[in-house]
Amino acid sequence: MASSSPTQRAHVPIPPEPGGKSLTQEANEPEVPIHIVTDPLQLPADFLNPSPEKKLVIGFDCEGVDLCRHGKLCIMQIAFSNAIYLVDVIEGGEVLMKACKPALESNYITKVIHDCKRDSEALYFQFGIRLHNVVDTQIAYSLIEEQEGRRRPLDDYISFVSLLADPRYCGISYEEKEEVRVLMRQDPKFWTYRPMTELMIRAAADDVRFLLYLYHKMMGKLNQRSLWHLAVRGALYCRCLCCMNDADFADWPAVPPIPDNLKSEDECLEEEILSVLHVPPGKMGRVIGRKGSSILAIKEACNSAEILIGGAKGPPDKIFVIGPVKEVRKAEAILRGRMIDY
């Protein structure tokens, strides 16, 4: 049962019908409660007990301090059409997260999220949760762009703020996001303070309240091939920063195979895989090159593969390659060549 005394309320845009309403009418929509959750019983039973008879689609996000394997997960946001739940990880702790684990790993609950990689990494290393069945709006945006004949520049991943601002999707300004980012730079412990301030509650809710709207907008644009790519890449992105070697993949759910109807229609379609490369000490600089020139050249040579490096948050000695099998193997060979001493 949900908390009977929500702290605030927010508009959750109603998913659009084809040719239907836009977000300019948001103010006319009814507001929904925002619940702060510290006990599993405050969450909906259908969420806590995933079922094939009651499949759900939820907006999902996480907030924390330096969110990654070594950071601190503080809040987990869940958006339904009739309520937003801010799961207080600090107050609810291990008991609360254990109760949420079946839903986050369930194939019956679709988690709509923007850029799942670090959230998934934090959930896995801090709570042993293997985030599964995500629709990543960052991936969906890139697939729609490709489908419509536009290829994004290398490493140009759309931010959530830019996606919301795009008139083809929401066409709204999210200026408060930058305000929160400034506060987080000034005080990295911003999300740890309790009780939560009104700004914290509002900012956390804003990060999920548009996701269901985006989901319906985007799913209506994606063709069958792109929908398969969306499912596969979402699965691979969830595990990429969690797997330290290829043997770790066995602990995760199987990646969706190519559907039979697509096999018959497109003989060029390849399975997509994740490869984890270990970089020996002192070799990462050689792989990246001066001002990133080397890694950029490798990405250009293997443009159907995503090449991800941990960066400041790590892991510092791993490179993750995602994409069609042939392109991944090509990228592996070039990357290993950069690591060789001459």
Protein backbone atom coordinates (compact mmCIF):
# COMPACT_ATOMS: atom_id res chain seq x y z
CA MET A 1 0.00 0.00 0.00
CA ALA A 2 1.32 3.46 -0.93
CA SER A 3 1.96 6.18 1.62
CA SER A 4 -1.28 8.01 2.49
CA SER A 5 0.39 11.40 2.82
CA PRO A 6 2.34 12.35 -0.32
CA THR A 7 4.87 15.15 0.16
CA GLN A 8 4.20 16.89 -3.13
CA ARG A 9 2.30 16.42 -6.35
CA ALA A 10 3.41 16.59 -10.00
CA HIS A 11 2.00 16.35 -13.49
CA VAL A 12 2.71 13.07 -15.27
CA PRO A 13 1.88 13.69 -18.96
CA ILE A 14 -0.67 11.28 -20.37
CA PRO A 15 0.90 9.09 -23.08
CA PRO A 16 0.03 10.58 -26.46
CA GLU A 17 -2.40 9.07 -28.91
CA PRO A 18 -1.35 9.16 -32.59
CA GLY A 19 -1.92 12.72 -33.72
CA GLY A 20 -3.13 13.58 -30.24
CA LYS A 21 -2.34 16.09 -27.53
CA SER A 22 1.04 17.70 -26.98
CA LEU A 23 2.75 18.68 -23.74
CA THR A 24 1.59 22.27 -24.11
CA GLN A 25 -1.61 21.09 -22.44
CA GLU A 26 0.24 19.59 -19.47
CA ALA A 27 -1.11 22.11 -16.98
CA ASN A 28 -4.64 20.84 -17.66
CA GLU A 29 -3.72 17.28 -16.67
CA PRO A 30 -4.44 16.14 -13.10
CA GLU A 31 -1.50 16.08 -10.72
CA VAL A 32 -0.35 12.80 -9.19
CA PRO A 33 1.11 12.26 -5.71
CA ILE A 34 4.82 11.95 -5.01
CA HIS A 35 5.47 9.37 -2.30
CA ILE A 36 8.70 9.05 -0.33
CA VAL A 37 9.21 5.34 0.28
CA THR A 38 11.18 3.98 3.23
CA ASP A 39 9.33 0.67 3.65
CA PRO A 40 8.46 -1.93 0.97
CA LEU A 41 4.79 -1.87 1.95
CA GLN A 42 4.58 1.69 0.63
CA LEU A 43 5.15 0.42 -2.92
CA PRO A 44 2.41 -1.00 -5.17
CA ALA A 45 1.90 -4.76 -4.83
CA ASP A 46 2.04 -5.19 -8.63
CA PHE A 47 5.55 -3.73 -8.58
CA LEU A 48 6.80 -5.84 -5.68
CA ASN A 49 5.33 -9.04 -7.17
CA PRO A 50 5.95 -9.04 -10.93
CA SER A 51 3.50 -11.15 -12.88
CA PRO A 52 2.93 -12.04 -16.56
CA GLU A 53 -0.75 -11.26 -15.96
CA LYS A 54 0.04 -7.69 -14.88
CA LYS A 55 2.91 -6.42 -16.98
CA LEU A 56 4.00 -2.88 -16.15
CA VAL A 57 5.87 -0.04 -17.83
CA ILE A 58 7.49 2.40 -15.41
CA GLY A 59 9.73 5.44 -15.59
CA PHE A 60 12.97 4.75 -13.76
CA ASP A 61 16.07 6.63 -12.60
CA CYS A 62 18.61 6.72 -9.77
CA GLU A 63 20.32 9.56 -7.90
CA GLY A 64 23.39 9.44 -5.73
CA VAL A 65 26.89 10.60 -4.93
CA ASP A 66 29.32 9.88 -7.77
CA LEU A 67 26.90 7.24 -9.02
CA CYS A 68 28.87 4.14 -10.05
CA ARG A 69 30.20 0.99 -8.37
CA HIS A 70 32.16 3.00 -5.79
CA GLY A 71 29.65 5.83 -5.27
CA LYS A 72 26.54 5.91 -3.09
CA LEU A 73 23.05 5.22 -4.37
CA CYS A 74 20.67 7.54 -2.49
CA ILE A 75 17.30 7.63 -4.28
CA MET A 76 15.58 5.40 -6.83
CA GLN A 77 12.69 7.05 -8.69
CA ILE A 78 9.77 5.09 -10.09
CA ALA A 79 7.02 6.73 -12.16
CA PHE A 80 3.59 5.24 -12.77
CA SER A 81 0.80 7.01 -14.62
CA ASN A 82 -0.97 7.68 -11.31
CA ALA A 83 1.90 8.26 -8.86
CA ILE A 84 5.64 8.82 -8.46
CA TYR A 85 7.61 6.91 -5.83
CA LEU A 86 10.95 8.13 -4.50
CA VAL A 87 12.57 5.06 -2.97
CA ASP A 88 14.78 6.38 -0.17
CA VAL A 89 17.74 4.03 -0.28
CA ILE A 90 19.48 5.79 2.61
CA GLU A 91 16.55 5.36 5.00
CA GLY A 92 15.21 2.04 3.66
CA GLY A 93 18.59 0.41 3.14
CA GLU A 94 19.19 -3.22 2.24
CA VAL A 95 15.70 -4.39 3.26
CA LEU A 96 14.00 -1.96 0.88
CA MET A 97 16.36 -2.69 -2.01
CA LYS A 98 15.98 -6.44 -1.52
CA ALA A 99 12.22 -6.00 -1.86
CA CYS A 100 12.71 -4.04 -5.12
CA LYS A 101 15.16 -6.56 -6.62
CA PRO A 102 12.55 -8.90 -8.24
CA ALA A 103 10.92 -5.97 -10.07
CA LEU A 104 14.21 -4.51 -11.30
CA GLU A 105 15.30 -7.90 -12.63
CA SER A 106 11.87 -8.88 -13.99
CA ASN A 107 11.03 -9.38 -17.64
CA TYR A 108 7.41 -8.42 -16.80
CA ILE A 109 8.27 -4.84 -15.81
CA THR A 110 9.70 -2.55 -18.47
CA LYS A 111 11.98 0.10 -16.98
CA VAL A 112 12.11 3.28 -19.11
CA ILE A 113 15.35 5.12 -18.36
CA HIS A 114 17.73 7.60 -19.97
CA ASP A 115 21.30 6.23 -20.11
CA CYS A 116 21.18 3.12 -17.94
CA LYS A 117 24.90 2.32 -17.68
CA ARG A 118 25.95 3.97 -14.40
CA ASP A 119 22.62 3.32 -12.68
CA SER A 120 22.92 -0.36 -13.54
CA GLU A 121 26.53 -0.42 -12.34
CA ALA A 122 25.56 1.09 -8.97
CA LEU A 123 22.65 -1.32 -8.51
CA TYR A 124 24.83 -4.33 -9.33
CA PHE A 125 27.88 -3.57 -7.21
CA GLN A 126 26.06 -2.03 -4.25
CA PHE A 127 23.00 -4.32 -4.06
CA GLY A 128 23.63 -7.30 -6.36
CA ILE A 129 20.76 -6.26 -8.66
CA ARG A 130 21.02 -7.13 -12.37
CA LEU A 131 18.89 -4.44 -14.03
CA HIS A 132 16.92 -6.08 -16.82
CA ASN A 133 14.29 -5.28 -19.46
CA VAL A 134 15.04 -1.61 -19.95
CA VAL A 135 14.01 0.79 -22.68
CA ASP A 136 16.81 3.33 -22.79
CA THR A 137 15.57 6.58 -24.35
CA GLN A 138 19.14 7.61 -25.24
CA ILE A 139 19.49 4.44 -27.35
CA ALA A 140 15.97 4.85 -28.75
CA TYR A 141 16.76 8.41 -29.88
CA SER A 142 19.89 7.26 -31.77
CA LEU A 143 17.97 4.42 -33.44
CA ILE A 144 15.22 6.76 -34.60
CA GLU A 145 17.83 9.16 -35.99
CA GLU A 146 19.50 6.30 -37.91
CA GLN A 147 16.13 5.02 -39.09
CA GLU A 148 15.35 8.46 -40.52
CA GLY A 149 18.71 8.73 -42.28
CA ARG A 150 20.59 10.86 -39.75
CA ARG A 151 23.71 9.47 -38.08
CA ARG A 152 24.94 11.12 -34.90
CA PRO A 153 28.54 12.31 -34.64
CA LEU A 154 30.86 9.99 -32.70
CA ASP A 155 30.44 10.22 -28.93
CA ASP A 156 27.54 12.67 -29.33
CA TYR A 157 24.98 11.06 -27.02
CA ILE A 158 21.86 13.13 -26.44
CA SER A 159 21.35 14.37 -22.89
CA PHE A 160 18.02 14.04 -21.13
CA VAL A 161 17.64 17.84 -21.10
CA SER A 162 18.21 18.01 -24.87
CA LEU A 163 15.79 15.14 -25.50
CA LEU A 164 13.05 16.90 -23.52
CA ALA A 165 13.75 20.12 -25.44
CA ASP A 166 13.43 18.43 -28.85
CA PRO A 167 10.06 19.57 -30.30
CA ARG A 168 9.58 16.16 -31.91
CA TYR A 169 9.28 14.63 -28.44
CA CYS A 170 8.40 17.00 -25.59
CA GLY A 171 9.54 20.48 -26.60
CA ILE A 172 9.95 21.66 -23.02
CA SER A 173 12.71 23.43 -21.11
CA TYR A 174 14.21 21.73 -18.05
CA GLU A 175 16.23 24.61 -16.59
CA GLU A 176 16.01 23.31 -13.02
CA LYS A 177 18.22 20.37 -14.00
CA GLU A 178 21.16 22.73 -14.48
CA GLU A 179 20.40 24.37 -11.14
CA VAL A 180 20.66 20.97 -9.44
CA ARG A 181 23.89 20.19 -11.30
CA VAL A 182 25.41 23.42 -10.00
CA LEU A 183 24.36 22.53 -6.45
CA MET A 184 25.85 19.04 -6.85
CA ARG A 185 29.16 20.49 -8.02
CA GLN A 186 29.18 22.79 -5.00
CA ASP A 187 28.18 19.97 -2.64
CA PRO A 188 28.60 16.41 -3.99
CA LYS A 189 26.59 15.10 -1.02
CA PHE A 190 23.46 16.93 -2.24
CA TRP A 191 21.35 13.73 -2.49
CA THR A 192 22.35 12.40 0.95
CA TYR A 193 20.61 14.98 3.14
CA ARG A 194 17.47 14.05 5.07
CA PRO A 195 14.74 15.02 5.28
CA MET A 196 14.66 15.69 1.55
CA THR A 197 14.13 19.32 0.62
CA GLU A 198 11.35 20.43 -1.70
CA LEU A 199 13.96 21.01 -4.42
CA MET A 200 15.33 17.47 -4.02
CA ILE A 201 11.84 15.96 -4.24
CA ARG A 202 10.86 18.07 -7.23
CA ALA A 203 14.14 17.44 -9.08
CA ALA A 204 13.99 13.68 -8.46
CA ALA A 205 10.38 13.51 -9.67
CA ASP A 206 11.15 15.62 -12.75
CA ASP A 207 13.76 13.09 -13.86
CA VAL A 208 11.09 10.41 -14.30
CA ARG A 209 7.72 12.08 -14.83
CA PHE A 210 8.18 12.54 -18.60
CA LEU A 211 9.61 9.08 -19.30
CA LEU A 212 6.30 7.31 -19.94
CA TYR A 213 5.30 10.03 -22.39
CA LEU A 214 8.67 9.67 -24.17
CA TYR A 215 8.29 5.90 -24.21
CA HIS A 216 5.00 6.00 -26.08
CA LYS A 217 6.24 8.69 -28.46
CA MET A 218 9.38 6.74 -29.32
CA MET A 219 7.85 3.27 -29.53
CA GLY A 220 5.45 4.62 -32.14
CA LYS A 221 8.38 5.70 -34.33
CA LEU A 222 10.57 2.57 -34.14
CA ASN A 223 10.31 -0.16 -36.78
CA GLN A 224 10.71 -3.87 -35.98
CA ARG A 225 14.44 -3.91 -36.68
CA SER A 226 15.02 -0.91 -34.45
CA LEU A 227 12.88 -2.41 -31.67
CA TRP A 228 15.12 -5.49 -31.66
CA HIS A 229 18.24 -3.30 -31.57
CA LEU A 230 16.69 -1.32 -28.70
CA ALA A 231 16.11 -4.48 -26.64
CA VAL A 232 19.57 -5.91 -27.35
CA ARG A 233 21.52 -2.72 -26.74
CA GLY A 234 19.55 -2.00 -23.57
CA ALA A 235 20.51 -5.46 -22.27
CA LEU A 236 24.17 -5.00 -23.22
CA TYR A 237 24.38 -1.46 -21.82
CA CYS A 238 22.95 -2.66 -18.49
CA ARG A 239 25.75 -5.20 -18.05
CA CYS A 240 28.68 -3.51 -19.80
CA LEU A 241 30.16 -1.75 -16.74
CA CYS A 242 29.29 -4.70 -14.49
CA CYS A 243 31.14 -7.46 -16.37
CA MET A 244 34.88 -7.51 -15.78
CA ASN A 245 35.46 -10.37 -18.22
CA ASP A 246 33.51 -12.44 -20.72
CA ALA A 247 32.82 -15.16 -18.10
CA ASP A 248 30.66 -12.73 -16.10
CA PHE A 249 28.02 -12.70 -18.87
CA ALA A 250 26.67 -16.05 -17.69
CA ASP A 251 25.23 -14.41 -14.57
CA TRP A 252 22.95 -12.17 -16.66
CA PRO A 253 19.74 -12.95 -18.60
CA ALA A 254 20.17 -14.01 -22.22
CA VAL A 255 20.31 -11.24 -24.81
CA PRO A 256 17.25 -11.22 -27.13
CA PRO A 257 18.00 -13.25 -30.30
CA ILE A 258 17.22 -12.00 -33.80
CA PRO A 259 13.47 -12.58 -34.36
CA ASP A 260 12.65 -15.09 -37.11
CA ASN A 261 10.74 -12.53 -39.16
CA LEU A 262 13.80 -10.25 -39.26
CA LYS A 263 16.12 -13.13 -40.19
CA SER A 264 14.03 -13.83 -43.28
CA GLU A 265 13.72 -10.14 -44.22
CA ASP A 266 17.32 -9.04 -43.63
CA GLU A 267 20.12 -11.51 -44.31
CA CYS A 268 22.76 -8.90 -43.33
CA LEU A 269 21.45 -8.57 -39.76
CA GLU A 270 24.02 -9.82 -37.22
CA GLU A 271 23.79 -10.78 -33.59
CA GLU A 272 25.12 -8.05 -31.28
CA ILE A 273 27.59 -8.78 -28.49
CA LEU A 274 29.57 -7.18 -25.67
CA SER A 275 33.31 -7.70 -25.43
CA VAL A 276 35.43 -6.69 -22.42
CA LEU A 277 39.11 -5.96 -23.06
CA HIS A 278 41.69 -5.72 -20.29
CA VAL A 279 44.23 -2.93 -20.81
CA PRO A 280 47.66 -3.66 -19.28
CA PRO A 281 49.14 -1.04 -16.91
CA GLY A 282 50.51 1.97 -18.76
CA LYS A 283 48.77 1.16 -22.06
CA MET A 284 45.51 3.13 -21.78
CA GLY A 285 47.24 6.35 -22.85
CA ARG A 286 48.46 4.65 -26.01
CA VAL A 287 44.94 3.41 -26.78
CA ILE A 288 43.39 6.85 -26.26
CA GLY A 289 46.18 8.85 -27.94
CA ARG A 290 46.98 12.54 -27.78
CA LYS A 291 43.75 14.48 -27.17
CA GLY A 292 41.82 11.28 -27.89
CA SER A 293 43.06 11.00 -31.47
CA SER A 294 43.78 7.26 -31.39
CA ILE A 295 40.50 6.10 -29.84
CA LEU A 296 38.57 8.45 -32.16
CA ALA A 297 40.26 6.89 -35.20
CA ILE A 298 39.35 3.40 -33.95
CA LYS A 299 35.73 4.44 -33.45
CA GLU A 300 35.61 5.87 -36.97
CA ALA A 301 37.04 2.63 -38.38
CA CYS A 302 34.43 0.55 -36.53
CA ASN A 303 31.47 2.90 -36.71
CA SER A 304 28.85 0.21 -36.13
CA ALA A 305 30.41 -0.63 -32.76
CA GLU A 306 30.21 1.35 -29.53
CA ILE A 307 33.56 1.63 -27.74
CA LEU A 308 33.24 2.67 -24.10
CA ILE A 309 36.00 3.59 -21.65
CA GLY A 310 35.37 3.93 -17.91
CA GLY A 311 36.99 7.37 -17.64
CA ALA A 312 37.19 9.13 -14.29
CA LYS A 313 34.64 6.81 -12.64
CA GLY A 314 36.34 3.68 -13.93
CA PRO A 315 36.97 0.89 -14.28
CA PRO A 316 40.33 2.34 -15.38
CA ASP A 317 41.76 -0.79 -17.02
CA LYS A 318 38.81 -1.96 -19.15
CA ILE A 319 37.42 -1.15 -22.58
CA PHE A 320 33.88 -2.25 -23.46
CA VAL A 321 32.89 -2.86 -27.09
CA ILE A 322 29.24 -3.31 -28.10
CA GLY A 323 27.90 -4.01 -31.58
CA PRO A 324 27.59 -6.52 -34.44
CA VAL A 325 29.96 -9.47 -34.09
CA LYS A 326 32.21 -8.61 -37.06
CA GLU A 327 32.60 -4.96 -36.05
CA VAL A 328 33.34 -5.93 -32.43
CA ARG A 329 36.05 -8.39 -33.53
CA LYS A 330 37.54 -5.74 -35.80
CA ALA A 331 37.61 -3.23 -32.95
CA GLU A 332 39.20 -5.83 -30.63
CA ALA A 333 42.01 -6.46 -33.12
CA ILE A 334 42.76 -2.75 -33.59
CA LEU A 335 42.64 -2.06 -29.85
CA ARG A 336 44.95 -4.96 -29.04
CA GLY A 337 47.33 -3.72 -31.73
CA ARG A 338 47.53 -0.35 -29.95
CA MET A 339 48.60 -2.12 -26.75
CA ILE A 340 51.57 -3.95 -28.31
CA ASP A 341 55.11 -2.74 -27.55
CA TYR A 342 57.30 -2.21 -30.58
